[in-house]
Amino acid sequence: MFCALGGSGEIGMNVNLYGAHGKWLMVDLGMTFAGSEYPGSELVFADLAFIEERREDLVGIVLTHAHEDHIGAVPYFAADLDVPLYATPFTAKLVAAKLEEAGIARDVELNVIDHFDQFDLGPFGIRYVPLAHSIAEGNALVIETPYGRIFHTGDWKLDDEPLVGTPATPAELTQIGDEGVLALVCDSTNVFNPKASGSEGEVARAMEAEVARHKGKRVVVTTFASNVARVQTLGRVAKATGRRLCVVGRSLDRIIAAAEGCGYLGDLPDIIDMDTAMGLPRGQVLIVATGGQGEPRAALSRIADGNHPVKLERGDVVLFSSRQIPGNEIAIGKVQNQLAEQGITVVTDRQAEIHVSGHPGRPELEALYGWIRPQILMPVHGEMRHMMEQARVGKACGIPAQVVQKNGDLVRLAPGKPGKFAEVGAGRLILDGDIIAPADGEAVAMRRRLAWHGALMVAVGGRVKHHEFTAQVAGLGLPLVEDYDAFVKEAENDVLDALGKLKGQDKRDGGAIAEAARLAARRAAGRWCGKKPQVKVMLMVEGLEP
């Protein structure tokens, strides 16, 4: 049995469950970043209510790799789920740091798997299979179940020159296929790419050539902090082009420390600090910075704003060695436009081959199908269009059955005919300040309404006994400037007129008084500016009936 609580029908927030003999195995526990649809929130999580209700039957959480969309929710839910975590050494170092920062390191059992032998969790036998990806120690999982073998790819690609790590060879993957695979659960992200994703070795050569072109110029490269191979490439490029290496961004510092702790980046040159970098001739420094997705607090955005110790001048160069994550186009464009306005040269992967994806294009998918030869293909890690397309590709390649599912679908893989047989709740949660709250809760809905229509505060005072009222109105976020005072005066008069028309019991009823004031103020705003603001009425009236 399979159920995705996140990551199917969307890219990010991966949470996958496998069920057998009444027990459950979780693969990955990720999150995604909030957009404008969740004002005031930064992180979005899968709602784990389904498995939380069955946590006594959850045997463990196995993490495929250390990207945030696969491990980012661990510090928020691992202690409550109260089951062991399993990860390879590099992923475990980053997870351990997250647990320590959250103050729960002693409450969560983290097991480091530094080999590729099988380990057993309940009815599941699990072993890691190394695959190339845009982070160190990207792994697939072979999951042995009483009903057949699952090959869960995680995030992956094919790369003849991965630079960091040694992925499984075609022969090793073919051997897995020879042993028989019931289902291939496979990354769908780049299924529409008709070409292979490309190699880190190709990026290294192109990057060296591009940096060498800009003699006498200060060069900044922005890339995903987690891409250890890319960091290694930039260290080698710095050496080859006669530049000193400067690293800017806490996430880069954290990744480099974890990578070196696991034996990677052995030939990384000495890293200089920002003050030293700024004191060198412009053509003698290569700066690696976070912020390629336009994050406002990241190093590159602050450099573009001129609010950072790293300073760029006209003619300097910024290389974007990263892809645009869908939804970040506007933020990235803003940073690039700021740089361009200052006369700084911006180079992306459209001008030079300075980035390759960490996900498989169609030729790589087709190659994996031929090696693994599953009975069932189940696409994950993609929007619905990606997963439907991968199902079509798999069918064309001769895979006997394809199952397209979405978050919350319970899917039977075996025994019997594979397919969806039920649904469970699969909502979203947000981190709202320090509280994890429903993404569709009233607080978020209210913020959306406030953002669109603004707000009115109405204070009603007076005494019920004599039916004497006062009203004060204040507007927030309304498109009124010169007319604001006139609007307030009219709105206050409207409120008083509405209260004067109350009859009988309503004259003494606080609810009726508040509702009359709310409607009157809102109608006034509608007349003056066409908005329907949220209205908060505060009653300071003597003699109200309880």
Protein backbone atom coordinates (compact mmCIF):
# COMPACT_ATOMS: atom_id res chain seq x y z
CA MET A 1 0.00 0.00 0.00
CA PHE A 2 1.20 3.55 -0.74
CA CYS A 3 0.00 6.98 0.35
CA ALA A 4 1.59 10.36 -0.33
CA LEU A 5 0.74 13.06 2.20
CA GLY A 6 2.87 15.56 0.28
CA GLY A 7 4.83 15.80 -2.96
CA SER A 8 2.29 14.26 -5.36
CA GLY A 9 0.48 16.84 -7.45
CA GLU A 10 3.07 19.42 -6.39
CA ILE A 11 6.83 19.92 -6.34
CA GLY A 12 8.15 19.97 -2.78
CA MET A 13 6.94 18.93 0.68
CA ASN A 14 7.65 15.23 0.07
CA VAL A 15 6.09 12.80 2.55
CA ASN A 16 5.55 9.22 1.36
CA LEU A 17 4.08 6.27 3.27
CA TYR A 18 4.34 2.56 2.54
CA GLY A 19 2.03 0.16 4.37
CA ALA A 20 2.21 -3.62 4.84
CA HIS A 21 0.89 -6.05 7.47
CA GLY A 22 -0.60 -3.18 9.46
CA LYS A 23 2.70 -1.28 9.71
CA TRP A 24 3.80 1.94 8.02
CA LEU A 25 7.15 3.23 6.77
CA MET A 26 7.66 6.94 6.05
CA VAL A 27 10.07 8.03 3.33
CA ASP A 28 11.13 11.68 3.69
CA LEU A 29 9.56 14.43 5.76
CA GLY A 30 9.87 17.64 3.79
CA MET A 31 8.39 21.10 3.60
CA THR A 32 8.00 23.88 1.06
CA PHE A 33 8.23 27.65 1.23
CA ALA A 34 5.08 29.72 1.49
CA GLY A 35 4.11 32.20 -1.19
CA SER A 36 1.75 35.15 -1.17
CA GLU A 37 -1.21 32.82 -0.69
CA TYR A 38 -0.15 32.41 2.96
CA PRO A 39 0.57 35.98 4.13
CA GLY A 40 2.68 36.15 7.26
CA SER A 41 3.97 32.57 6.90
CA GLU A 42 7.21 31.22 5.49
CA LEU A 43 6.99 27.42 5.73
CA VAL A 44 4.33 24.97 4.60
CA PHE A 45 4.06 21.37 5.82
CA ALA A 46 1.98 18.35 4.93
CA ASP A 47 -0.80 17.62 7.40
CA LEU A 48 0.31 14.38 9.07
CA ALA A 49 -2.96 13.67 10.88
CA PHE A 50 -3.44 10.35 9.05
CA ILE A 51 -0.15 8.87 10.22
CA GLU A 52 -0.21 10.64 13.61
CA GLU A 53 -3.37 8.68 14.38
CA ARG A 54 -1.41 5.50 13.52
CA ARG A 55 1.98 6.41 14.90
CA GLU A 56 2.10 3.26 17.05
CA ASP A 57 2.28 1.40 13.75
CA LEU A 58 4.90 3.72 12.19
CA VAL A 59 8.21 1.83 12.21
CA GLY A 60 10.55 4.62 11.15
CA ILE A 61 11.34 7.55 8.86
CA VAL A 62 13.95 6.97 6.14
CA LEU A 63 15.42 10.10 4.53
CA THR A 64 16.67 9.89 0.95
CA HIS A 65 18.76 13.10 0.90
CA ALA A 66 19.20 16.47 2.57
CA HIS A 67 17.19 18.91 0.46
CA GLU A 68 14.66 20.92 2.45
CA ASP A 69 11.71 19.51 0.52
CA HIS A 70 12.74 16.09 1.88
CA ILE A 71 13.99 16.87 5.43
CA GLY A 72 12.75 20.38 6.24
CA ALA A 73 9.81 19.29 8.41
CA VAL A 74 11.86 16.91 10.55
CA PRO A 75 12.54 19.35 13.43
CA TYR A 76 8.85 20.26 13.62
CA PHE A 77 7.34 16.75 13.69
CA ALA A 78 9.97 14.13 14.51
CA ALA A 79 9.63 14.38 18.29
CA ASP A 80 5.83 14.07 18.16
CA LEU A 81 5.97 11.11 15.79
CA ASP A 82 8.47 9.52 18.20
CA VAL A 83 10.03 7.03 15.78
CA PRO A 84 13.66 6.56 14.70
CA LEU A 85 15.14 8.49 11.77
CA TYR A 86 17.51 6.89 9.27
CA ALA A 87 19.90 8.77 6.98
CA THR A 88 23.30 8.50 5.32
CA PRO A 89 26.16 10.46 6.95
CA PHE A 90 25.93 13.81 5.11
CA THR A 91 22.15 13.98 5.44
CA ALA A 92 22.42 12.93 9.09
CA LYS A 93 24.86 15.77 9.87
CA LEU A 94 22.44 18.36 8.51
CA VAL A 95 19.46 16.75 10.24
CA ALA A 96 21.36 16.57 13.52
CA ALA A 97 22.09 20.30 13.29
CA LYS A 98 18.39 20.99 12.75
CA LEU A 99 17.42 18.87 15.75
CA GLU A 100 20.03 20.58 17.90
CA GLU A 101 18.82 24.03 16.86
CA ALA A 102 15.24 23.01 17.69
CA GLY A 103 16.36 21.75 21.11
CA ILE A 104 15.12 18.20 20.51
CA ALA A 105 18.34 16.35 19.64
CA ARG A 106 18.06 14.22 22.79
CA ASP A 107 14.43 13.39 22.09
CA VAL A 108 14.87 12.01 18.57
CA GLU A 109 16.74 8.85 17.65
CA LEU A 110 18.86 9.49 14.54
CA ASN A 111 20.51 6.45 12.99
CA VAL A 112 23.40 6.95 10.56
CA ILE A 113 23.53 4.35 7.78
CA ASP A 114 27.07 4.45 6.38
CA HIS A 115 26.79 1.37 4.18
CA PHE A 116 24.58 -0.03 1.45
CA ASP A 117 23.52 -3.20 3.27
CA GLN A 118 19.87 -3.91 4.04
CA PHE A 119 18.40 -2.91 7.40
CA ASP A 120 14.98 -4.04 8.56
CA LEU A 121 12.09 -2.00 9.95
CA GLY A 122 9.06 -4.11 10.76
CA PRO A 123 7.97 -5.92 7.58
CA PHE A 124 10.20 -3.69 5.42
CA GLY A 125 13.77 -4.36 4.36
CA ILE A 126 15.54 -1.21 3.18
CA ARG A 127 18.82 -0.47 1.48
CA TYR A 128 20.21 2.71 0.02
CA VAL A 129 21.22 2.90 -3.64
CA PRO A 130 23.40 5.93 -4.46
CA LEU A 131 22.24 8.04 -7.40
CA ALA A 132 23.51 11.36 -8.73
CA HIS A 133 21.66 14.50 -7.70
CA SER A 134 22.43 18.17 -6.98
CA ILE A 135 23.49 17.39 -3.41
CA ALA A 136 25.90 14.98 -1.81
CA GLU A 137 24.52 11.52 -1.05
CA GLY A 138 21.39 11.53 -3.12
CA ASN A 139 19.89 8.07 -2.76
CA ALA A 140 17.22 5.80 -4.07
CA LEU A 141 15.74 3.14 -1.80
CA VAL A 142 15.14 -0.52 -2.50
CA ILE A 143 12.28 -1.46 -0.19
CA GLU A 144 11.59 -5.16 0.30
CA THR A 145 7.99 -5.91 1.27
CA PRO A 146 6.07 -9.18 1.75
CA TYR A 147 4.38 -8.48 -1.59
CA GLY A 148 7.30 -7.43 -3.75
CA ARG A 149 10.22 -5.07 -4.16
CA ILE A 150 9.84 -1.29 -4.48
CA PHE A 151 12.43 0.98 -6.12
CA HIS A 152 11.86 4.47 -4.74
CA THR A 153 14.10 6.86 -6.69
CA GLY A 154 14.09 9.93 -4.47
CA ASP A 155 15.48 12.85 -6.50
CA TRP A 156 17.98 11.71 -9.09
CA LYS A 157 19.67 12.10 -12.46
CA LEU A 158 22.29 10.29 -14.51
CA ASP A 159 25.77 11.82 -14.50
CA ASP A 160 28.96 10.34 -15.93
CA GLU A 161 30.99 13.02 -14.08
CA PRO A 162 29.22 13.67 -10.79
CA LEU A 163 32.41 15.10 -9.14
CA VAL A 164 31.09 14.22 -5.66
CA GLY A 165 30.05 10.67 -4.76
CA THR A 166 29.85 7.50 -6.82
CA PRO A 167 26.37 6.69 -8.13
CA ALA A 168 25.21 3.18 -8.96
CA THR A 169 26.26 2.00 -12.41
CA PRO A 170 23.88 0.81 -15.14
CA ALA A 171 25.07 -2.73 -14.42
CA GLU A 172 24.19 -2.41 -10.73
CA LEU A 173 20.76 -1.00 -11.56
CA THR A 174 20.21 -3.74 -14.10
CA GLN A 175 20.98 -6.32 -11.42
CA ILE A 176 18.25 -4.80 -9.24
CA GLY A 177 15.89 -5.15 -12.17
CA ASP A 178 16.99 -8.75 -12.69
CA GLU A 179 15.95 -9.52 -9.11
CA GLY A 180 12.43 -8.32 -9.93
CA VAL A 181 10.79 -4.99 -9.12
CA LEU A 182 7.11 -4.70 -8.35
CA ALA A 183 6.91 -0.89 -8.51
CA LEU A 184 9.09 2.01 -9.53
CA VAL A 185 8.14 5.15 -7.57
CA CYS A 186 9.82 7.86 -9.59
CA ASP A 187 10.71 11.57 -9.67
CA SER A 188 8.69 13.38 -12.38
CA THR A 189 10.09 16.92 -12.19
CA ASN A 190 11.84 17.14 -15.58
CA VAL A 191 9.77 14.72 -17.63
CA PHE A 192 9.05 17.41 -20.24
CA ASN A 193 12.77 17.95 -20.88
CA PRO A 194 13.55 16.05 -24.10
CA LYS A 195 17.28 16.06 -23.31
CA ALA A 196 19.34 14.52 -20.54
CA SER A 197 19.99 16.83 -17.61
CA GLY A 198 23.73 17.17 -18.20
CA SER A 199 26.83 16.58 -16.14
CA GLU A 200 28.56 18.44 -13.32
CA GLY A 201 31.78 17.86 -15.25
CA GLU A 202 30.38 19.89 -18.15
CA VAL A 203 29.44 22.67 -15.74
CA ALA A 204 32.96 22.70 -14.30
CA ARG A 205 34.54 23.23 -17.71
CA ALA A 206 32.01 25.87 -18.74
CA MET A 207 32.34 27.68 -15.41
CA GLU A 208 36.11 27.88 -15.66
CA ALA A 209 35.86 29.27 -19.19
CA GLU A 210 33.24 31.82 -18.16
CA VAL A 211 35.15 33.10 -15.13
CA ALA A 212 38.37 33.29 -17.19
CA ARG A 213 36.57 35.58 -19.66
CA HIS A 214 36.12 38.27 -17.04
CA LYS A 215 39.71 39.24 -16.30
CA GLY A 216 40.09 42.18 -13.98
CA LYS A 217 36.45 41.97 -12.85
CA ARG A 218 35.04 40.95 -9.51
CA VAL A 219 32.97 37.78 -10.08
CA VAL A 220 30.13 36.58 -7.85
CA VAL A 221 28.59 33.15 -8.40
CA THR A 222 25.25 32.33 -6.82
CA THR A 223 24.20 28.71 -6.54
CA PHE A 224 22.18 26.39 -4.33
CA ALA A 225 24.08 26.07 -1.06
CA SER A 226 23.35 22.34 -0.94
CA ASN A 227 25.14 21.61 -4.23
CA VAL A 228 28.41 20.33 -2.82
CA ALA A 229 29.72 19.38 -6.27
CA ARG A 230 29.15 22.95 -7.47
CA VAL A 231 31.01 24.34 -4.46
CA GLN A 232 33.89 21.99 -5.22
CA THR A 233 33.85 23.14 -8.84
CA LEU A 234 34.03 26.79 -7.78
CA GLY A 235 37.01 26.07 -5.53
CA ARG A 236 38.82 24.48 -8.46
CA VAL A 237 37.81 27.32 -10.79
CA ALA A 238 39.19 29.85 -8.31
CA LYS A 239 42.55 28.04 -8.32
CA ALA A 240 42.61 27.67 -12.11
CA THR A 241 41.85 31.35 -12.74
CA GLY A 242 44.20 32.75 -10.10
CA ARG A 243 41.48 33.97 -7.74
CA ARG A 244 40.94 33.67 -4.00
CA LEU A 245 37.70 32.07 -2.84
CA CYS A 246 35.24 33.94 -0.59
CA VAL A 247 32.01 32.32 0.63
CA VAL A 248 29.05 34.49 1.68
CA GLY A 249 25.96 33.06 3.38
CA ARG A 250 25.30 31.03 6.52
CA SER A 251 23.71 28.14 4.65
CA LEU A 252 26.87 27.79 2.54
CA ASP A 253 29.00 27.78 5.70
CA ARG A 254 26.79 25.05 7.18
CA ILE A 255 26.88 22.87 4.06
CA ILE A 256 30.65 23.21 3.65
CA ALA A 257 31.23 22.23 7.28
CA ALA A 258 28.97 19.18 6.94
CA ALA A 259 30.57 18.16 3.63
CA GLU A 260 34.12 18.45 4.99
CA GLY A 261 33.03 16.47 8.05
CA CYS A 262 31.99 13.64 5.73
CA GLY A 263 35.20 13.66 3.73
CA TYR A 264 34.06 15.80 0.80
CA LEU A 265 35.67 19.03 -0.47
CA GLY A 266 39.16 17.80 0.38
CA ASP A 267 40.79 20.07 -2.18
CA LEU A 268 38.78 23.20 -1.41
CA PRO A 269 41.20 26.15 -1.23
CA ASP A 270 41.48 28.31 1.87
CA ILE A 271 38.43 30.56 2.14
CA ILE A 272 39.06 34.25 2.78
CA ASP A 273 36.73 36.57 4.68
CA MET A 274 34.79 39.43 3.12
CA ASP A 275 37.10 42.17 4.34
CA THR A 276 40.09 40.43 2.78
CA ALA A 277 38.15 39.86 -0.42
CA MET A 278 37.22 43.53 -0.69
CA GLY A 279 40.88 44.50 -0.23
CA LEU A 280 42.10 42.39 -3.16
CA PRO A 281 42.33 43.62 -6.77
CA ARG A 282 38.98 43.01 -8.45
CA GLY A 283 40.24 40.27 -10.73
CA GLN A 284 41.74 38.25 -7.90
CA VAL A 285 38.62 37.17 -6.04
CA LEU A 286 35.76 34.74 -6.73
CA ILE A 287 32.79 35.13 -4.41
CA VAL A 288 30.20 32.39 -3.86
CA ALA A 289 26.94 33.79 -2.50
CA THR A 290 23.52 32.52 -1.52
CA GLY A 291 20.34 34.13 -2.86
CA GLY A 292 19.95 32.89 -6.42
CA GLN A 293 16.19 32.57 -5.90
CA GLY A 294 15.80 36.25 -5.00
CA GLU A 295 15.31 35.63 -1.28
CA PRO A 296 15.15 39.15 0.22
CA ARG A 297 17.38 38.42 3.23
CA ALA A 298 19.95 36.35 1.35
CA ALA A 299 23.41 37.65 0.48
CA LEU A 300 22.83 38.37 -3.21
CA SER A 301 19.71 40.46 -2.63
CA ARG A 302 21.57 42.54 -0.07
CA ILE A 303 24.52 42.92 -2.43
CA ALA A 304 22.14 44.13 -5.14
CA ASP A 305 20.62 46.59 -2.64
CA GLY A 306 24.06 47.87 -1.69
CA ASN A 307 23.41 46.71 1.87
CA HIS A 308 26.20 44.15 2.24
CA PRO A 309 29.96 44.16 2.92
CA VAL A 310 30.51 42.71 -0.57
CA LYS A 311 30.43 45.60 -3.03
CA LEU A 312 30.11 45.40 -6.80
CA GLU A 313 30.82 48.09 -9.39
CA ARG A 314 29.95 48.70 -13.01
CA GLY A 315 31.50 45.97 -15.16
CA ASP A 316 31.60 43.34 -12.40
CA VAL A 317 29.88 40.02 -13.05
CA VAL A 318 27.25 37.85 -11.33
CA LEU A 319 26.83 34.28 -12.57
CA PHE A 320 23.54 32.55 -11.76
CA SER A 321 24.56 28.91 -11.45
CA SER A 322 21.06 27.77 -10.54
CA ARG A 323 17.64 27.27 -12.09
CA GLN A 324 14.57 29.35 -11.40
CA ILE A 325 12.28 27.50 -9.02
CA PRO A 326 8.69 28.02 -10.20
CA GLY A 327 7.13 30.87 -8.25
CA ASN A 328 10.43 32.73 -7.76
CA GLU A 329 10.57 34.38 -11.19
CA ILE A 330 9.52 37.84 -9.98
CA ALA A 331 11.93 37.86 -7.03
CA ILE A 332 14.83 36.68 -9.20
CA GLY A 333 13.96 39.20 -11.90
CA LYS A 334 13.99 42.01 -9.33
CA VAL A 335 17.54 41.15 -8.22
CA GLN A 336 18.77 40.77 -11.79
CA ASN A 337 17.23 44.10 -12.77
CA GLN A 338 18.85 45.83 -9.79
CA LEU A 339 22.23 44.43 -10.82
CA ALA A 340 21.73 45.37 -14.48
CA GLU A 341 20.77 48.94 -13.56
CA GLN A 342 24.13 49.28 -11.81
CA GLY A 343 25.98 48.16 -14.94
CA ILE A 344 26.79 44.72 -13.55
CA THR A 345 26.88 41.89 -16.07
CA VAL A 346 24.38 39.10 -15.32
CA VAL A 347 25.01 35.66 -16.81
CA THR A 348 22.53 32.75 -16.50
CA ASP A 349 22.44 29.23 -17.85
CA ARG A 350 20.84 30.67 -20.99
CA GLN A 351 24.08 32.40 -21.91
CA ALA A 352 26.56 29.77 -20.68
CA GLU A 353 26.35 26.17 -19.51
CA ILE A 354 26.95 27.09 -15.88
CA HIS A 355 24.12 25.02 -14.43
CA VAL A 356 22.53 21.61 -14.96
CA SER A 357 19.46 20.19 -13.29
CA GLY A 358 19.52 17.55 -10.60
CA HIS A 359 16.45 15.80 -12.03
CA PRO A 360 16.14 13.37 -14.95
CA GLY A 361 15.08 14.38 -18.44
CA ARG A 362 13.11 11.99 -20.59
CA PRO A 363 16.13 10.05 -21.92
CA GLU A 364 17.25 9.33 -18.35
CA LEU A 365 13.78 8.15 -17.35
CA GLU A 366 13.68 5.82 -20.34
CA ALA A 367 17.11 4.43 -19.46
CA LEU A 368 16.06 3.73 -15.87
CA TYR A 369 12.89 1.98 -17.04
CA GLY A 370 15.06 -0.33 -19.16
CA TRP A 371 17.33 -1.20 -16.24
CA ILE A 372 14.72 -1.58 -13.49
CA ARG A 373 11.87 -3.08 -15.61
CA PRO A 374 9.11 -2.62 -13.01
CA GLN A 375 5.65 -4.11 -13.21
CA ILE A 376 4.15 -0.82 -12.02
CA LEU A 377 5.24 2.77 -12.56
CA MET A 378 4.00 5.28 -9.99
CA PRO A 379 5.12 8.88 -10.65
CA VAL A 380 5.66 11.21 -7.67
CA HIS A 381 7.49 14.51 -7.07
CA GLY A 382 5.68 16.59 -9.65
CA GLU A 383 2.57 18.54 -10.47
CA MET A 384 -0.25 16.55 -12.01
CA ARG A 385 0.87 17.42 -15.54
CA HIS A 386 4.34 16.04 -14.81
CA MET A 387 3.04 12.81 -13.31
CA MET A 388 0.51 12.21 -16.10
CA GLU A 389 3.23 12.73 -18.69
CA GLN A 390 5.59 10.32 -16.96
CA ALA A 391 2.83 7.71 -16.90
CA ARG A 392 2.47 8.14 -20.67
CA VAL A 393 6.23 7.81 -21.17
CA GLY A 394 6.32 4.68 -19.02
CA LYS A 395 3.46 3.12 -20.94
CA ALA A 396 5.19 3.84 -24.25
CA CYS A 397 8.30 2.13 -22.86
CA GLY A 398 6.34 -1.04 -22.11
CA ILE A 399 5.81 -0.83 -18.35
CA PRO A 400 2.69 -2.99 -17.84
CA ALA A 401 0.81 -0.75 -15.35
CA GLN A 402 0.88 2.93 -14.42
CA VAL A 403 -0.74 4.44 -11.34
CA VAL A 404 -1.18 8.21 -11.16
CA GLN A 405 -2.12 9.35 -7.66
CA LYS A 406 -2.23 12.55 -5.66
CA ASN A 407 -1.79 13.48 -2.04
CA GLY A 408 -4.23 11.56 0.13
CA ASP A 409 -4.87 8.70 -2.28
CA LEU A 410 -4.50 5.22 -0.79
CA VAL A 411 -3.01 3.04 -3.52
CA ARG A 412 -2.88 -0.75 -3.55
CA LEU A 413 0.29 -2.00 -5.23
CA ALA A 414 -0.15 -5.68 -4.39
CA PRO A 415 -1.71 -8.17 -4.19
CA GLY A 416 -4.27 -7.82 -6.94
CA LYS A 417 -4.75 -5.10 -9.51
CA PRO A 418 -2.85 -1.90 -8.61
CA GLY A 419 -4.77 1.33 -8.18
CA LYS A 420 -6.42 3.77 -5.84
CA PHE A 421 -8.97 2.29 -3.44
CA ALA A 422 -9.61 5.07 -0.88
CA GLU A 423 -8.75 8.60 0.18
CA VAL A 424 -7.45 10.06 3.44
CA GLY A 425 -7.05 13.64 4.63
CA ALA A 426 -4.03 15.35 3.11
CA GLY A 427 -4.18 19.04 3.90
CA ARG A 428 -1.54 21.66 4.54
CA LEU A 429 -0.16 23.26 7.67
CA ILE A 430 1.80 26.49 7.96
CA LEU A 431 4.36 27.78 10.41
CA ASP A 432 2.69 30.97 11.60
CA GLY A 433 5.09 32.70 13.96
CA ASP A 434 5.88 29.95 16.48
CA ILE A 435 2.62 28.06 15.89
CA ILE A 436 1.85 25.31 13.38
CA ALA A 437 -1.65 26.07 12.17
CA PRO A 438 -4.04 24.92 9.42
CA ALA A 439 -3.22 26.57 6.12
CA ASP A 440 -6.93 27.09 5.42
CA GLY A 441 -7.67 28.50 8.90
CA GLU A 442 -9.52 31.70 9.64
CA ALA A 443 -6.34 33.62 10.52
CA VAL A 444 -4.89 33.17 7.03
CA ALA A 445 -8.24 33.83 5.35
CA MET A 446 -8.56 37.05 7.37
CA ARG A 447 -5.10 38.19 6.30
CA ARG A 448 -5.98 37.65 2.67
CA ARG A 449 -9.11 39.76 3.09
CA LEU A 450 -7.14 42.45 4.92
CA ALA A 451 -4.54 42.52 2.16
CA TRP A 452 -7.23 42.94 -0.50
CA HIS A 453 -9.75 45.24 1.20
CA GLY A 454 -8.09 46.85 4.23
CA ALA A 455 -9.71 47.31 7.64
CA LEU A 456 -11.95 49.62 9.63
CA MET A 457 -11.91 50.07 13.39
CA VAL A 458 -15.19 51.35 14.86
CA ALA A 459 -15.40 52.39 18.52
CA VAL A 460 -18.95 52.81 19.85
CA GLY A 461 -19.49 54.48 23.21
CA GLY A 462 -22.46 55.90 25.10
CA ARG A 463 -25.31 54.78 27.39
CA VAL A 464 -28.08 52.37 26.50
CA LYS A 465 -30.51 53.88 29.02
CA HIS A 466 -30.83 57.12 27.08
CA HIS A 467 -30.04 55.58 23.72
CA GLU A 468 -27.09 57.96 23.38
CA PHE A 469 -24.14 56.76 21.32
CA THR A 470 -20.81 58.08 20.07
CA ALA A 471 -18.82 56.66 17.18
CA GLN A 472 -15.19 56.86 16.12
CA VAL A 473 -13.99 55.30 12.85
CA ALA A 474 -10.38 54.65 11.74
CA GLY A 475 -9.39 53.09 8.42
CA LEU A 476 -6.32 50.98 7.64
CA GLY A 477 -5.16 50.19 4.11
CA LEU A 478 -7.95 52.06 2.31
CA PRO A 479 -7.13 53.91 -0.94
CA LEU A 480 -8.20 57.27 0.48
CA VAL A 481 -5.77 60.14 0.94
CA GLU A 482 -7.24 63.60 0.40
CA ASP A 483 -10.75 62.23 1.03
CA TYR A 484 -9.92 60.33 4.19
CA ASP A 485 -11.18 62.89 6.73
CA ALA A 486 -14.43 63.40 4.82
CA PHE A 487 -14.93 59.65 4.61
CA VAL A 488 -14.39 59.21 8.37
CA LYS A 489 -16.88 61.95 9.20
CA GLU A 490 -19.53 60.42 6.93
CA ALA A 491 -18.86 56.89 8.18
CA GLU A 492 -19.25 58.01 11.79
CA ASN A 493 -22.54 59.74 10.97
CA ASP A 494 -23.75 56.61 9.18
CA VAL A 495 -22.95 54.50 12.23
CA LEU A 496 -24.87 56.85 14.50
CA ASP A 497 -27.84 56.90 12.11
CA ALA A 498 -27.88 53.10 12.04
CA LEU A 499 -27.79 52.87 15.82
CA GLY A 500 -30.58 55.43 16.09
CA LYS A 501 -32.85 53.20 14.01
CA LEU A 502 -32.52 50.18 16.30
CA LYS A 503 -35.82 49.19 17.91
CA GLY A 504 -37.02 47.17 20.86
CA GLN A 505 -34.63 44.65 22.36
CA ASP A 506 -31.96 45.47 19.75
CA LYS A 507 -31.40 48.85 21.46
CA ARG A 508 -29.91 47.01 24.46
CA ASP A 509 -28.35 44.04 22.72
CA GLY A 510 -24.57 44.31 22.25
CA GLY A 511 -24.56 41.95 19.27
CA ALA A 512 -27.24 43.91 17.43
CA ILE A 513 -25.49 47.23 18.15
CA ALA A 514 -22.11 45.89 16.92
CA GLU A 515 -23.63 44.42 13.74
CA ALA A 516 -25.49 47.65 12.89
CA ALA A 517 -22.28 49.65 13.34
CA ARG A 518 -20.26 47.16 11.28
CA LEU A 519 -22.63 47.20 8.32
CA ALA A 520 -22.97 50.98 8.31
CA ALA A 521 -19.22 51.57 8.33
CA ARG A 522 -18.62 48.96 5.65
CA ARG A 523 -21.28 50.45 3.36
CA ALA A 524 -19.66 53.87 3.75
CA ALA A 525 -16.30 52.45 2.68
CA GLY A 526 -17.96 50.82 -0.31
CA ARG A 527 -19.42 54.15 -1.44
CA TRP A 528 -16.17 56.04 -1.02
CA CYS A 529 -13.62 53.59 -2.44
CA GLY A 530 -15.33 50.43 -3.68
CA LYS A 531 -13.73 48.26 -1.02
CA LYS A 532 -15.29 45.82 1.45
CA PRO A 533 -12.96 46.17 4.44
CA GLN A 534 -12.89 43.93 7.47
CA VAL A 535 -14.59 45.81 10.30
CA LYS A 536 -13.79 45.45 13.98
CA VAL A 537 -16.33 47.03 16.34
CA MET A 538 -15.37 47.80 19.92
CA LEU A 539 -18.24 48.49 22.31
CA MET A 540 -17.72 50.80 25.26
CA VAL A 541 -21.41 51.23 26.03
CA GLU A 542 -22.93 51.42 29.51
CA GLY A 543 -25.98 49.32 30.35
CA LEU A 544 -25.76 46.54 27.76
CA GLU A 545 -27.78 43.45 28.60
CA PRO A 546 -25.72 40.27 29.02
